[in-house]
């Protein structure tokens, strides 16, 4: 399991240190939190 830590840029936007985390952030914007959490379980479990 790889833990990714997002960081906040000086302009206030949230950017991820890895592409996978970036994809998850995009999913959070497009989908409900429940579906994102389910996807996280699919990836890490």
C-alpha atoms as a PDB file:
ATOM      1  CA  UNK A   1       0.000   0.000   0.000  1.00  0.00           C
ATOM      2  CA  UNK A   2       1.373   3.357  -1.038  1.00  0.00           C
ATOM      3  CA  UNK A   3       0.280   6.377   0.952  1.00  0.00           C
ATOM      4  CA  UNK A   4       0.211   9.602  -1.009  1.00  0.00           C
ATOM      5  CA  UNK A   5       0.256  12.980   0.692  1.00  0.00           C
ATOM      6  CA  UNK A   6      -1.423  15.834  -1.168  1.00  0.00           C
ATOM      7  CA  UNK A   7       0.103  19.254  -0.790  1.00  0.00           C
ATOM      8  CA  UNK A   8      -1.365  22.709  -1.170  1.00  0.00           C
ATOM      9  CA  UNK A   9       0.249  25.014  -3.703  1.00  0.00           C
ATOM     10  CA  UNK A  10       0.797  28.696  -2.986  1.00  0.00           C
ATOM     11  CA  UNK A  11      -2.182  29.525  -5.214  1.00  0.00           C
ATOM     12  CA  UNK A  12      -4.456  27.490  -2.932  1.00  0.00           C
ATOM     13  CA  UNK A  13      -5.135  24.549  -5.228  1.00  0.00           C
ATOM     14  CA  UNK A  14      -4.665  21.008  -4.022  1.00  0.00           C
ATOM     15  CA  UNK A  15      -2.164  19.000  -6.044  1.00  0.00           C
ATOM     16  CA  UNK A  16      -1.218  15.387  -5.504  1.00  0.00           C
ATOM     17  CA  UNK A  17       2.328  14.054  -5.407  1.00  0.00           C
ATOM     18  CA  UNK A  18       1.354  11.018  -7.479  1.00  0.00           C
ATOM     19  CA  UNK A  19      -0.847  10.501 -10.510  1.00  0.00           C
ATOM     20  CA  UNK A  20      -3.021   7.986  -8.640  1.00  0.00           C
ATOM     21  CA  UNK A  21      -3.795  10.548  -5.958  1.00  0.00           C
ATOM     22  CA  UNK A  22      -4.591  13.066  -8.678  1.00  0.00           C
ATOM     23  CA  UNK A  23      -7.052  10.637 -10.235  1.00  0.00           C
ATOM     24  CA  UNK A  24      -8.688  10.139  -6.835  1.00  0.00           C
ATOM     25  CA  UNK A  25      -8.989  13.898  -6.361  1.00  0.00           C
ATOM     26  CA  UNK A  26     -10.681  14.143  -9.759  1.00  0.00           C
ATOM     27  CA  UNK A  27     -13.047  11.348  -8.744  1.00  0.00           C
ATOM     28  CA  UNK A  28     -13.912  13.187  -5.536  1.00  0.00           C
ATOM     29  CA  UNK A  29     -15.005  16.162  -7.622  1.00  0.00           C
ATOM     30  CA  UNK A  30     -17.059  14.055 -10.029  1.00  0.00           C
ATOM     31  CA  UNK A  31     -18.501  11.391  -7.743  1.00  0.00           C
ATOM     32  CA  UNK A  32     -19.960  11.102  -4.286  1.00  0.00           C
ATOM     33  CA  UNK A  33     -17.656  10.477  -1.331  1.00  0.00           C
ATOM     34  CA  UNK A  34     -19.131   7.034  -0.785  1.00  0.00           C
ATOM     35  CA  UNK A  35     -18.142   5.889  -4.267  1.00  0.00           C
ATOM     36  CA  UNK A  36     -14.635   7.289  -3.797  1.00  0.00           C
ATOM     37  CA  UNK A  37     -14.247   5.446  -0.498  1.00  0.00           C
ATOM     38  CA  UNK A  38     -15.438   2.242  -2.148  1.00  0.00           C
ATOM     39  CA  UNK A  39     -12.871   2.764  -4.906  1.00  0.00           C
ATOM     40  CA  UNK A  40     -10.138   3.269  -2.310  1.00  0.00           C
ATOM     41  CA  UNK A  41     -11.033  -0.065  -0.743  1.00  0.00           C
ATOM     42  CA  UNK A  42     -10.888  -1.684  -4.187  1.00  0.00           C
ATOM     43  CA  UNK A  43      -7.381  -0.292  -4.726  1.00  0.00           C
ATOM     44  CA  UNK A  44      -5.802  -0.859  -1.328  1.00  0.00           C
ATOM     45  CA  UNK A  45      -7.597  -3.929   0.005  1.00  0.00           C
END
